[in-house]
Amino acid sequence: IQNVYTVLLWKYMPYRYGYKHTIRRFAALIKQILDLMVLSAGIYMDNQYHRILVDDLVEEAKTILILNEKDSVPLWGKDNHLDY
């Protein structure tokens, strides 16, 4: 699903900013995301309470994904199946 949002953003940005500025803005956005990941990893390693919270949330998310594994989630409000 992340790829869908990335492609959508990449297709929209040239209309808004032009090709040259799109590349700059997209690169800046990716840099911000990577910087946040580095910062988050540092906090995770240095803060025991944060680490416990994150580990608990990850386990809960895994459980939810397993329970909902067979559920179909339509993109953009469209059904993924056809009625005959």
PDB file of N, CA and C in Angstrom:
ATOM      1  N   ILE A   1       0.832  -1.196   0.000  1.00  0.00           N
ATOM      2  CA  ILE A   1       0.000   0.000   0.000  1.00  0.00           C
ATOM      3  C   ILE A   1       0.873   1.254   0.000  1.00  0.00           C
ATOM      4  N   GLN A   2       2.037   1.203   0.651  1.00  0.00           N
ATOM      5  CA  GLN A   2       2.910   2.368   0.648  1.00  0.00           C
ATOM      6  C   GLN A   2       3.304   2.749  -0.773  1.00  0.00           C
ATOM      7  N   ASN A   3       3.497   1.752  -1.625  1.00  0.00           N
ATOM      8  CA  ASN A   3       3.854   2.039  -3.015  1.00  0.00           C
ATOM      9  C   ASN A   3       2.762   2.824  -3.720  1.00  0.00           C
ATOM     10  N   VAL A   4       1.516   2.533  -3.396  1.00  0.00           N
ATOM     11  CA  VAL A   4       0.399   3.255  -4.008  1.00  0.00           C
ATOM     12  C   VAL A   4       0.490   4.736  -3.666  1.00  0.00           C
ATOM     13  N   TYR A   5       0.756   5.039  -2.408  1.00  0.00           N
ATOM     14  CA  TYR A   5       0.854   6.439  -1.989  1.00  0.00           C
ATOM     15  C   TYR A   5       2.069   7.123  -2.605  1.00  0.00           C
ATOM     16  N   THR A   6       3.169   6.396  -2.710  1.00  0.00           N
ATOM     17  CA  THR A   6       4.379   6.962  -3.310  1.00  0.00           C
ATOM     18  C   THR A   6       4.147   7.294  -4.779  1.00  0.00           C
ATOM     19  N   VAL A   7       3.546   6.374  -5.506  1.00  0.00           N
ATOM     20  CA  VAL A   7       3.261   6.605  -6.929  1.00  0.00           C
ATOM     21  C   VAL A   7       2.280   7.755  -7.096  1.00  0.00           C
ATOM     22  N   LEU A   8       1.259   7.785  -6.281  1.00  0.00           N
ATOM     23  CA  LEU A   8       0.271   8.862  -6.349  1.00  0.00           C
ATOM     24  C   LEU A   8       0.931  10.221  -6.100  1.00  0.00           C
ATOM     25  N   LEU A   9       1.774  10.286  -5.081  1.00  0.00           N
ATOM     26  CA  LEU A   9       2.483  11.532  -4.773  1.00  0.00           C
ATOM     27  C   LEU A   9       3.408  11.925  -5.920  1.00  0.00           C
ATOM     28  N   TRP A  10       4.137  10.949  -6.457  1.00  0.00           N
ATOM     29  CA  TRP A  10       5.071  11.226  -7.545  1.00  0.00           C
ATOM     30  C   TRP A  10       4.343  11.718  -8.798  1.00  0.00           C
ATOM     31  N   LYS A  11       3.154  11.192  -9.053  1.00  0.00           N
ATOM     32  CA  LYS A  11       2.391  11.629 -10.224  1.00  0.00           C
ATOM     33  C   LYS A  11       1.767  13.010 -10.020  1.00  0.00           C
ATOM     34  N   TYR A  12       1.418  13.339  -8.781  1.00  0.00           N
ATOM     35  CA  TYR A  12       0.785  14.629  -8.495  1.00  0.00           C
ATOM     36  C   TYR A  12       1.797  15.771  -8.479  1.00  0.00           C
ATOM     37  N   MET A  13       2.954  15.535  -7.891  1.00  0.00           N
ATOM     38  CA  MET A  13       3.909  16.617  -7.652  1.00  0.00           C
ATOM     39  C   MET A  13       4.377  17.352  -8.908  1.00  0.00           C
ATOM     40  N   PRO A  14       4.635  16.692 -10.041  1.00  0.00           N
ATOM     41  CA  PRO A  14       5.058  17.454 -11.227  1.00  0.00           C
ATOM     42  C   PRO A  14       4.018  18.471 -11.697  1.00  0.00           C
ATOM     43  N   TYR A  15       2.743  18.151 -11.528  1.00  0.00           N
ATOM     44  CA  TYR A  15       1.705  19.111 -11.898  1.00  0.00           C
ATOM     45  C   TYR A  15       1.745  20.328 -10.991  1.00  0.00           C
ATOM     46  N   ARG A  16       2.079  20.103  -9.746  1.00  0.00           N
ATOM     47  CA  ARG A  16       2.076  21.180  -8.750  1.00  0.00           C
ATOM     48  C   ARG A  16       3.369  21.996  -8.780  1.00  0.00           C
ATOM     49  N   TYR A  17       4.522  21.304  -8.907  1.00  0.00           N
ATOM     50  CA  TYR A  17       5.812  21.975  -8.730  1.00  0.00           C
ATOM     51  C   TYR A  17       6.713  21.950  -9.960  1.00  0.00           C
ATOM     52  N   GLY A  18       6.378  21.180 -10.980  1.00  0.00           N
ATOM     53  CA  GLY A  18       7.286  21.006 -12.109  1.00  0.00           C
ATOM     54  C   GLY A  18       8.284  19.892 -11.804  1.00  0.00           C
ATOM     55  N   TYR A  19       8.891  19.365 -12.853  1.00  0.00           N
ATOM     56  CA  TYR A  19       9.750  18.192 -12.703  1.00  0.00           C
ATOM     57  C   TYR A  19      10.963  18.464 -11.812  1.00  0.00           C
ATOM     58  N   LYS A  20      11.662  19.576 -12.049  1.00  0.00           N
ATOM     59  CA  LYS A  20      12.887  19.889 -11.308  1.00  0.00           C
ATOM     60  C   LYS A  20      12.603  20.048  -9.814  1.00  0.00           C
ATOM     61  N   HIS A  21      11.575  20.805  -9.473  1.00  0.00           N
ATOM     62  CA  HIS A  21      11.243  21.018  -8.062  1.00  0.00           C
ATOM     63  C   HIS A  21      10.660  19.750  -7.429  1.00  0.00           C
ATOM     64  N   THR A  22      10.003  18.932  -8.233  1.00  0.00           N
ATOM     65  CA  THR A  22       9.478  17.664  -7.717  1.00  0.00           C
ATOM     66  C   THR A  22      10.616  16.784  -7.220  1.00  0.00           C
ATOM     67  N   ILE A  23      11.676  16.698  -7.998  1.00  0.00           N
ATOM     68  CA  ILE A  23      12.825  15.881  -7.599  1.00  0.00           C
ATOM     69  C   ILE A  23      13.412  16.403  -6.298  1.00  0.00           C
ATOM     70  N   ARG A  24      13.582  17.704  -6.188  1.00  0.00           N
ATOM     71  CA  ARG A  24      14.134  18.294  -4.959  1.00  0.00           C
ATOM     72  C   ARG A  24      13.234  18.037  -3.756  1.00  0.00           C
ATOM     73  N   ARG A  25      11.943  18.270  -3.924  1.00  0.00           N
ATOM     74  CA  ARG A  25      11.001  18.085  -2.815  1.00  0.00           C
ATOM     75  C   ARG A  25      10.888  16.614  -2.417  1.00  0.00           C
ATOM     76  N   PHE A  26      10.860  15.730  -3.398  1.00  0.00           N
ATOM     77  CA  PHE A  26      10.750  14.303  -3.112  1.00  0.00           C
ATOM     78  C   PHE A  26      12.000  13.817  -2.381  1.00  0.00           C
ATOM     79  N   ALA A  27      13.171  14.268  -2.832  1.00  0.00           N
ATOM     80  CA  ALA A  27      14.423  13.902  -2.168  1.00  0.00           C
ATOM     81  C   ALA A  27      14.451  14.438  -0.737  1.00  0.00           C
ATOM     82  N   ALA A  28      13.968  15.666  -0.539  1.00  0.00           N
ATOM     83  CA  ALA A  28      13.920  16.242   0.806  1.00  0.00           C
ATOM     84  C   ALA A  28      12.964  15.456   1.703  1.00  0.00           C
ATOM     85  N   LEU A  29      11.842  15.037   1.151  1.00  0.00           N
ATOM     86  CA  LEU A  29      10.879  14.238   1.912  1.00  0.00           C
ATOM     87  C   LEU A  29      11.494  12.902   2.325  1.00  0.00           C
ATOM     88  N   ILE A  30      12.175  12.246   1.411  1.00  0.00           N
ATOM     89  CA  ILE A  30      12.829  10.976   1.727  1.00  0.00           C
ATOM     90  C   ILE A  30      13.897  11.179   2.795  1.00  0.00           C
ATOM     91  N   LYS A  31      14.666  12.278   2.699  1.00  0.00           N
ATOM     92  CA  LYS A  31      15.686  12.568   3.709  1.00  0.00           C
ATOM     93  C   LYS A  31      15.053  12.762   5.080  1.00  0.00           C
ATOM     94  N   GLN A  32      13.940  13.477   5.148  1.00  0.00           N
ATOM     95  CA  GLN A  32      13.258  13.672   6.430  1.00  0.00           C
ATOM     96  C   GLN A  32      12.791  12.345   7.013  1.00  0.00           C
ATOM     97  N   ILE A  33      12.260  11.478   6.179  1.00  0.00           N
ATOM     98  CA  ILE A  33      11.802  10.171   6.657  1.00  0.00           C
ATOM     99  C   ILE A  33      12.980   9.353   7.182  1.00  0.00           C
ATOM    100  N   LEU A  34      14.092   9.352   6.454  1.00  0.00           N
ATOM    101  CA  LEU A  34      15.273   8.622   6.910  1.00  0.00           C
ATOM    102  C   LEU A  34      15.827   9.205   8.205  1.00  0.00           C
ATOM    103  N   ASP A  35      15.841  10.536   8.327  1.00  0.00           N
ATOM    104  CA  ASP A  35      16.289  11.176   9.566  1.00  0.00           C
ATOM    105  C   ASP A  35      15.404  10.778  10.748  1.00  0.00           C
ATOM    106  N   LEU A  36      14.095  10.714  10.517  1.00  0.00           N
ATOM    107  CA  LEU A  36      13.173  10.287  11.575  1.00  0.00           C
ATOM    108  C   LEU A  36      13.416   8.836  11.971  1.00  0.00           C
ATOM    109  N   MET A  37      13.743   8.003  10.999  1.00  0.00           N
ATOM    110  CA  MET A  37      14.032   6.603  11.316  1.00  0.00           C
ATOM    111  C   MET A  37      15.285   6.486  12.180  1.00  0.00           C
ATOM    112  N   VAL A  38      16.317   7.258  11.862  1.00  0.00           N
ATOM    113  CA  VAL A  38      17.545   7.249  12.659  1.00  0.00           C
ATOM    114  C   VAL A  38      17.257   7.757  14.069  1.00  0.00           C
ATOM    115  N   LEU A  39      16.506   8.841  14.175  1.00  0.00           N
ATOM    116  CA  LEU A  39      16.145   9.395  15.477  1.00  0.00           C
ATOM    117  C   LEU A  39      15.323   8.395  16.285  1.00  0.00           C
ATOM    118  N   SER A  40      14.358   7.769  15.645  1.00  0.00           N
ATOM    119  CA  SER A  40      13.514   6.782  16.326  1.00  0.00           C
ATOM    120  C   SER A  40      14.333   5.588  16.809  1.00  0.00           C
ATOM    121  N   ALA A  41      15.274   5.145  15.994  1.00  0.00           N
ATOM    122  CA  ALA A  41      16.126   4.022  16.395  1.00  0.00           C
ATOM    123  C   ALA A  41      16.966   4.393  17.609  1.00  0.00           C
ATOM    124  N   GLY A  42      17.472   5.623  17.637  1.00  0.00           N
ATOM    125  CA  GLY A  42      18.247   6.089  18.786  1.00  0.00           C
ATOM    126  C   GLY A  42      17.416   6.130  20.055  1.00  0.00           C
ATOM    127  N   ILE A  43      16.203   6.641  19.949  1.00  0.00           N
ATOM    128  CA  ILE A  43      15.305   6.694  21.105  1.00  0.00           C
ATOM    129  C   ILE A  43      14.977   5.284  21.567  1.00  0.00           C
ATOM    130  N   TYR A  44      14.715   4.395  20.636  1.00  0.00           N
ATOM    131  CA  TYR A  44      14.390   3.002  20.957  1.00  0.00           C
ATOM    132  C   TYR A  44      15.535   2.353  21.734  1.00  0.00           C
ATOM    133  N   MET A  45      16.758   2.578  21.292  1.00  0.00           N
ATOM    134  CA  MET A  45      17.911   1.952  21.942  1.00  0.00           C
ATOM    135  C   MET A  45      18.223   2.569  23.306  1.00  0.00           C
ATOM    136  N   ASP A  46      17.963   3.864  23.474  1.00  0.00           N
ATOM    137  CA  ASP A  46      18.356   4.574  24.692  1.00  0.00           C
ATOM    138  C   ASP A  46      17.282   4.627  25.770  1.00  0.00           C
ATOM    139  N   ASN A  47      16.035   4.366  25.426  1.00  0.00           N
ATOM    140  CA  ASN A  47      14.940   4.562  26.374  1.00  0.00           C
ATOM    141  C   ASN A  47      14.188   3.246  26.579  1.00  0.00           C
ATOM    142  N   GLN A  48      14.360   2.665  27.765  1.00  0.00           N
ATOM    143  CA  GLN A  48      13.758   1.367  28.062  1.00  0.00           C
ATOM    144  C   GLN A  48      12.236   1.410  27.984  1.00  0.00           C
ATOM    145  N   TYR A  49      11.615   2.470  28.493  1.00  0.00           N
ATOM    146  CA  TYR A  49      10.154   2.564  28.488  1.00  0.00           C
ATOM    147  C   TYR A  49       9.610   2.661  27.057  1.00  0.00           C
ATOM    148  N   HIS A  50      10.305   3.411  26.239  1.00  0.00           N
ATOM    149  CA  HIS A  50       9.904   3.523  24.833  1.00  0.00           C
ATOM    150  C   HIS A  50      10.036   2.169  24.133  1.00  0.00           C
ATOM    151  N   ARG A  51      11.127   1.464  24.430  1.00  0.00           N
ATOM    152  CA  ARG A  51      11.373   0.158  23.824  1.00  0.00           C
ATOM    153  C   ARG A  51      10.261  -0.830  24.196  1.00  0.00           C
ATOM    154  N   ILE A  52       9.858  -0.837  25.460  1.00  0.00           N
ATOM    155  CA  ILE A  52       8.777  -1.724  25.906  1.00  0.00           C
ATOM    156  C   ILE A  52       7.477  -1.367  25.191  1.00  0.00           C
ATOM    157  N   LEU A  53       7.170  -0.069  25.108  1.00  0.00           N
ATOM    158  CA  LEU A  53       5.954   0.385  24.432  1.00  0.00           C
ATOM    159  C   LEU A  53       5.951  -0.045  22.966  1.00  0.00           C
ATOM    160  N   VAL A  54       7.048   0.196  22.276  1.00  0.00           N
ATOM    161  CA  VAL A  54       7.134  -0.148  20.852  1.00  0.00           C
ATOM    162  C   VAL A  54       7.030  -1.656  20.650  1.00  0.00           C
ATOM    163  N   ASP A  55       7.721  -2.422  21.481  1.00  0.00           N
ATOM    164  CA  ASP A  55       7.659  -3.881  21.353  1.00  0.00           C
ATOM    165  C   ASP A  55       6.236  -4.392  21.556  1.00  0.00           C
ATOM    166  N   ASP A  56       5.528  -3.834  22.535  1.00  0.00           N
ATOM    167  CA  ASP A  56       4.130  -4.220  22.767  1.00  0.00           C
ATOM    168  C   ASP A  56       3.244  -3.854  21.577  1.00  0.00           C
ATOM    169  N   LEU A  57       3.448  -2.664  21.021  1.00  0.00           N
ATOM    170  CA  LEU A  57       2.656  -2.237  19.865  1.00  0.00           C
ATOM    171  C   LEU A  57       2.927  -3.105  18.638  1.00  0.00           C
ATOM    172  N   VAL A  58       4.174  -3.484  18.446  1.00  0.00           N
ATOM    173  CA  VAL A  58       4.523  -4.345  17.313  1.00  0.00           C
ATOM    174  C   VAL A  58       3.842  -5.703  17.452  1.00  0.00           C
ATOM    175  N   GLU A  59       3.867  -6.271  18.641  1.00  0.00           N
ATOM    176  CA  GLU A  59       3.208  -7.565  18.860  1.00  0.00           C
ATOM    177  C   GLU A  59       1.705  -7.465  18.628  1.00  0.00           C
ATOM    178  N   GLU A  60       1.101  -6.373  19.091  1.00  0.00           N
ATOM    179  CA  GLU A  60      -0.334  -6.174  18.880  1.00  0.00           C
ATOM    180  C   GLU A  60      -0.651  -6.029  17.390  1.00  0.00           C
ATOM    181  N   ALA A  61       0.188  -5.293  16.673  1.00  0.00           N
ATOM    182  CA  ALA A  61      -0.015  -5.120  15.230  1.00  0.00           C
ATOM    183  C   ALA A  61       0.117  -6.454  14.498  1.00  0.00           C
ATOM    184  N   LYS A  62       1.091  -7.277  14.895  1.00  0.00           N
ATOM    185  CA  LYS A  62       1.246  -8.597  14.282  1.00  0.00           C
ATOM    186  C   LYS A  62      -0.002  -9.446  14.490  1.00  0.00           C
ATOM    187  N   THR A  63      -0.529  -9.408  15.701  1.00  0.00           N
ATOM    188  CA  THR A  63      -1.737 -10.177  16.011  1.00  0.00           C
ATOM    189  C   THR A  63      -2.907  -9.720  15.150  1.00  0.00           C
ATOM    190  N   ILE A  64      -3.077  -8.422  15.030  1.00  0.00           N
ATOM    191  CA  ILE A  64      -4.173  -7.876  14.222  1.00  0.00           C
ATOM    192  C   ILE A  64      -4.007  -8.273  12.757  1.00  0.00           C
ATOM    193  N   LEU A  65      -2.778  -8.208  12.249  1.00  0.00           N
ATOM    194  CA  LEU A  65      -2.534  -8.585  10.856  1.00  0.00           C
ATOM    195  C   LEU A  65      -2.830 -10.057  10.611  1.00  0.00           C
ATOM    196  N   ILE A  66      -2.472 -10.904  11.562  1.00  0.00           N
ATOM    197  CA  ILE A  66      -2.753 -12.333  11.419  1.00  0.00           C
ATOM    198  C   ILE A  66      -4.257 -12.571  11.419  1.00  0.00           C
ATOM    199  N   LEU A  67      -4.977 -11.903  12.322  1.00  0.00           N
ATOM    200  CA  LEU A  67      -6.424 -12.080  12.406  1.00  0.00           C
ATOM    201  C   LEU A  67      -7.133 -11.570  11.156  1.00  0.00           C
ATOM    202  N   ASN A  68      -6.607 -10.511  10.553  1.00  0.00           N
ATOM    203  CA  ASN A  68      -7.251  -9.893   9.391  1.00  0.00           C
ATOM    204  C   ASN A  68      -6.595 -10.282   8.070  1.00  0.00           C
ATOM    205  N   GLU A  69      -5.767 -11.306   8.091  1.00  0.00           N
ATOM    206  CA  GLU A  69      -4.977 -11.671   6.915  1.00  0.00           C
ATOM    207  C   GLU A  69      -5.833 -11.979   5.689  1.00  0.00           C
ATOM    208  N   LYS A  70      -6.974 -12.593   5.893  1.00  0.00           N
ATOM    209  CA  LYS A  70      -7.807 -12.991   4.758  1.00  0.00           C
ATOM    210  C   LYS A  70      -8.816 -11.928   4.363  1.00  0.00           C
ATOM    211  N   ASP A  71      -8.923 -10.866   5.139  1.00  0.00           N
ATOM    212  CA  ASP A  71      -9.856  -9.793   4.801  1.00  0.00           C
ATOM    213  C   ASP A  71      -9.312  -8.979   3.636  1.00  0.00           C
ATOM    214  N   SER A  72     -10.159  -8.686   2.685  1.00  0.00           N
ATOM    215  CA  SER A  72      -9.785  -7.881   1.533  1.00  0.00           C
ATOM    216  C   SER A  72     -10.064  -6.414   1.837  1.00  0.00           C
ATOM    217  N   VAL A  73      -9.064  -5.571   1.634  1.00  0.00           N
ATOM    218  CA  VAL A  73      -9.224  -4.141   1.871  1.00  0.00           C
ATOM    219  C   VAL A  73      -9.173  -3.431   0.523  1.00  0.00           C
ATOM    220  N   PRO A  74     -10.302  -2.883   0.062  1.00  0.00           N
ATOM    221  CA  PRO A  74     -10.314  -2.213  -1.238  1.00  0.00           C
ATOM    222  C   PRO A  74      -9.556  -0.889  -1.196  1.00  0.00           C
ATOM    223  N   LEU A  75      -8.868  -0.590  -2.290  1.00  0.00           N
ATOM    224  CA  LEU A  75      -8.191   0.696  -2.420  1.00  0.00           C
ATOM    225  C   LEU A  75      -9.127   1.692  -3.073  1.00  0.00           C
ATOM    226  N   TRP A  76      -9.099   2.904  -2.597  1.00  0.00           N
ATOM    227  CA  TRP A  76      -9.852   4.011  -3.171  1.00  0.00           C
ATOM    228  C   TRP A  76     -11.358   3.763  -3.185  1.00  0.00           C
ATOM    229  N   GLY A  77     -11.848   2.965  -2.242  1.00  0.00           N
ATOM    230  CA  GLY A  77     -13.278   2.749  -2.113  1.00  0.00           C
ATOM    231  C   GLY A  77     -13.871   1.808  -3.140  1.00  0.00           C
ATOM    232  N   LYS A  78     -13.032   1.078  -3.873  1.00  0.00           N
ATOM    233  CA  LYS A  78     -13.517   0.160  -4.904  1.00  0.00           C
ATOM    234  C   LYS A  78     -13.456  -1.267  -4.377  1.00  0.00           C
ATOM    235  N   ASP A  79     -14.408  -2.082  -4.791  1.00  0.00           N
ATOM    236  CA  ASP A  79     -14.381  -3.494  -4.440  1.00  0.00           C
ATOM    237  C   ASP A  79     -13.357  -4.212  -5.303  1.00  0.00           C
ATOM    238  N   ASN A  80     -12.694  -5.197  -4.718  1.00  0.00           N
ATOM    239  CA  ASN A  80     -11.689  -5.964  -5.451  1.00  0.00           C
ATOM    240  C   ASN A  80     -12.277  -7.151  -6.198  1.00  0.00           C
ATOM    241  N   HIS A  81     -13.576  -7.351  -6.125  1.00  0.00           N
ATOM    242  CA  HIS A  81     -14.190  -8.473  -6.817  1.00  0.00           C
ATOM    243  C   HIS A  81     -15.337  -7.969  -7.691  1.00  0.00           C
ATOM    244  N   LEU A  82     -15.691  -8.786  -8.639  1.00  0.00           N
ATOM    245  CA  LEU A  82     -16.788  -8.434  -9.544  1.00  0.00           C
ATOM    246  C   LEU A  82     -18.006  -9.269  -9.193  1.00  0.00           C
ATOM    247  N   ASP A  83     -19.180  -8.670  -9.220  1.00  0.00           N
ATOM    248  CA  ASP A  83     -20.424  -9.397  -9.006  1.00  0.00           C
ATOM    249  C   ASP A  83     -20.963  -9.831 -10.364  1.00  0.00           C
ATOM    250  N   TYR A  84     -21.243 -11.109 -10.519  1.00  0.00           N
ATOM    251  CA  TYR A  84     -21.768 -11.631 -11.781  1.00  0.00           C
ATOM    252  C   TYR A  84     -23.220 -11.955 -11.657  1.00  0.00           C
TER     253      TYR A  84
END
